[in-house]
Amino acid sequence: MATSSESGLDRDTYGFLVGWEHAECAGKLDLRLQTKLPAGHLAKGEVETFHIVMTPQQAAVLGNYLFQITGQRPPEKRVGRLRRWFG
């Protein structure tokens, strides 16, 4: 089996995140990260898409991890007007 260096591929690729979206498929989450690579790697303005398939539990762990490493908190649920009035 050829390693990534033998096949001429870099093991790590760095790019700039420009967008994301997701789709659900058979109980899994397909997270699509859209990136632009540094100049010279792709045609000018071309966006590359990476698909990462994960379980809902993995998505929750990733989300919590991102909140933790950025020092942010998840958004708090807003209490609706009816719930405030009637408890």
C-alpha atoms as a PDB file:
ATOM      1  CA  MET A   1       0.000   0.000   0.000  1.00  0.00           C
ATOM      2  CA  ALA A   2       1.386   3.431  -0.919  1.00  0.00           C
ATOM      3  CA  THR A   3       1.648   6.104   1.741  1.00  0.00           C
ATOM      4  CA  SER A   4       0.419   9.628   1.099  1.00  0.00           C
ATOM      5  CA  SER A   5       3.980  10.883   0.566  1.00  0.00           C
ATOM      6  CA  GLU A   6       4.699   8.081  -1.918  1.00  0.00           C
ATOM      7  CA  SER A   7       1.591   8.878  -3.925  1.00  0.00           C
ATOM      8  CA  GLY A   8       2.484  12.577  -4.063  1.00  0.00           C
ATOM      9  CA  LEU A   9      -0.454  13.668  -1.876  1.00  0.00           C
ATOM     10  CA  ASP A  10       0.009  15.852   1.184  1.00  0.00           C
ATOM     11  CA  ARG A  11      -1.394  14.323   4.327  1.00  0.00           C
ATOM     12  CA  ASP A  12      -2.660  17.684   5.632  1.00  0.00           C
ATOM     13  CA  THR A  13      -4.454  20.252   3.521  1.00  0.00           C
ATOM     14  CA  TYR A  14      -5.007  23.785   4.728  1.00  0.00           C
ATOM     15  CA  GLY A  15      -7.687  26.077   3.398  1.00  0.00           C
ATOM     16  CA  PHE A  16      -9.972  28.911   4.391  1.00  0.00           C
ATOM     17  CA  LEU A  17     -13.500  27.974   5.457  1.00  0.00           C
ATOM     18  CA  VAL A  18     -15.978  29.922   3.308  1.00  0.00           C
ATOM     19  CA  GLY A  19     -19.200  28.039   3.978  1.00  0.00           C
ATOM     20  CA  TRP A  20     -20.904  24.927   5.197  1.00  0.00           C
ATOM     21  CA  GLU A  21     -24.166  23.063   4.931  1.00  0.00           C
ATOM     22  CA  HIS A  22     -25.517  19.696   5.937  1.00  0.00           C
ATOM     23  CA  ALA A  23     -27.904  16.956   4.910  1.00  0.00           C
ATOM     24  CA  GLU A  24     -29.354  14.034   6.829  1.00  0.00           C
ATOM     25  CA  CYS A  25     -28.981  10.579   5.368  1.00  0.00           C
ATOM     26  CA  ALA A  26     -29.971   7.276   6.992  1.00  0.00           C
ATOM     27  CA  GLY A  27     -29.677   8.622  10.534  1.00  0.00           C
ATOM     28  CA  LYS A  28     -26.281  10.189   9.871  1.00  0.00           C
ATOM     29  CA  LEU A  29     -25.242  13.777   9.211  1.00  0.00           C
ATOM     30  CA  ASP A  30     -23.336  14.733   6.055  1.00  0.00           C
ATOM     31  CA  LEU A  31     -21.485  17.931   6.949  1.00  0.00           C
ATOM     32  CA  ARG A  32     -20.154  19.685   3.845  1.00  0.00           C
ATOM     33  CA  LEU A  33     -17.325  22.122   4.497  1.00  0.00           C
ATOM     34  CA  GLN A  34     -16.575  24.508   1.652  1.00  0.00           C
ATOM     35  CA  THR A  35     -13.024  25.818   1.536  1.00  0.00           C
ATOM     36  CA  LYS A  36     -10.768  27.897  -0.634  1.00  0.00           C
ATOM     37  CA  LEU A  37      -7.180  26.744  -0.793  1.00  0.00           C
ATOM     38  CA  PRO A  38      -4.230  29.142  -0.888  1.00  0.00           C
ATOM     39  CA  ALA A  39      -3.361  30.655  -4.270  1.00  0.00           C
ATOM     40  CA  GLY A  40      -1.834  28.227  -6.746  1.00  0.00           C
ATOM     41  CA  HIS A  41      -3.669  25.116  -5.551  1.00  0.00           C
ATOM     42  CA  LEU A  42      -6.929  25.446  -7.479  1.00  0.00           C
ATOM     43  CA  ALA A  43      -8.223  27.600 -10.272  1.00  0.00           C
ATOM     44  CA  LYS A  44      -8.909  31.177  -9.206  1.00  0.00           C
ATOM     45  CA  GLY A  45     -12.090  31.367  -7.136  1.00  0.00           C
ATOM     46  CA  GLU A  46     -12.685  27.603  -7.110  1.00  0.00           C
ATOM     47  CA  VAL A  47     -14.252  26.244  -3.935  1.00  0.00           C
ATOM     48  CA  GLU A  48     -13.493  22.719  -2.738  1.00  0.00           C
ATOM     49  CA  THR A  49     -16.076  20.753  -0.754  1.00  0.00           C
ATOM     50  CA  PHE A  50     -15.234  18.153   1.890  1.00  0.00           C
ATOM     51  CA  HIS A  51     -17.916  15.729   3.068  1.00  0.00           C
ATOM     52  CA  ILE A  52     -17.688  14.522   6.651  1.00  0.00           C
ATOM     53  CA  VAL A  53     -20.251  11.883   7.630  1.00  0.00           C
ATOM     54  CA  MET A  54     -20.937  11.519  11.349  1.00  0.00           C
ATOM     55  CA  THR A  55     -23.532  10.332  13.820  1.00  0.00           C
ATOM     56  CA  PRO A  56     -25.721  12.873  15.635  1.00  0.00           C
ATOM     57  CA  GLN A  57     -23.724  12.140  18.798  1.00  0.00           C
ATOM     58  CA  GLN A  58     -20.432  12.916  17.045  1.00  0.00           C
ATOM     59  CA  ALA A  59     -21.931  16.158  15.719  1.00  0.00           C
ATOM     60  CA  ALA A  60     -22.978  17.172  19.244  1.00  0.00           C
ATOM     61  CA  VAL A  61     -19.510  16.403  20.634  1.00  0.00           C
ATOM     62  CA  LEU A  62     -17.895  18.410  17.814  1.00  0.00           C
ATOM     63  CA  GLY A  63     -20.246  21.347  18.415  1.00  0.00           C
ATOM     64  CA  ASN A  64     -19.545  21.338  22.161  1.00  0.00           C
ATOM     65  CA  TYR A  65     -15.805  21.107  21.474  1.00  0.00           C
ATOM     66  CA  LEU A  66     -15.925  24.116  19.158  1.00  0.00           C
ATOM     67  CA  PHE A  67     -17.801  26.141  21.787  1.00  0.00           C
ATOM     68  CA  GLN A  68     -15.218  25.119  24.402  1.00  0.00           C
ATOM     69  CA  ILE A  69     -12.084  25.948  22.397  1.00  0.00           C
ATOM     70  CA  THR A  70     -13.457  29.334  21.297  1.00  0.00           C
ATOM     71  CA  GLY A  71     -14.619  30.325  24.768  1.00  0.00           C
ATOM     72  CA  GLN A  72     -18.181  30.705  23.515  1.00  0.00           C
ATOM     73  CA  ARG A  73     -21.452  29.425  24.938  1.00  0.00           C
ATOM     74  CA  PRO A  74     -24.267  27.739  23.052  1.00  0.00           C
ATOM     75  CA  PRO A  75     -27.182  30.111  22.395  1.00  0.00           C
ATOM     76  CA  GLU A  76     -29.728  30.092  25.182  1.00  0.00           C
ATOM     77  CA  LYS A  77     -33.260  29.064  24.359  1.00  0.00           C
ATOM     78  CA  ARG A  78     -35.566  32.025  24.252  1.00  0.00           C
ATOM     79  CA  VAL A  79     -38.668  31.600  26.365  1.00  0.00           C
ATOM     80  CA  GLY A  80     -41.827  32.238  24.355  1.00  0.00           C
ATOM     81  CA  ARG A  81     -44.377  34.811  25.341  1.00  0.00           C
ATOM     82  CA  LEU A  82     -47.042  32.193  26.195  1.00  0.00           C
ATOM     83  CA  ARG A  83     -44.645  30.268  28.420  1.00  0.00           C
ATOM     84  CA  ARG A  84     -43.682  33.475  30.248  1.00  0.00           C
ATOM     85  CA  TRP A  85     -47.354  34.322  30.808  1.00  0.00           C
ATOM     86  CA  PHE A  86     -48.563  30.855  31.781  1.00  0.00           C
ATOM     87  CA  GLY A  87     -45.371  29.288  33.159  1.00  0.00           C
END
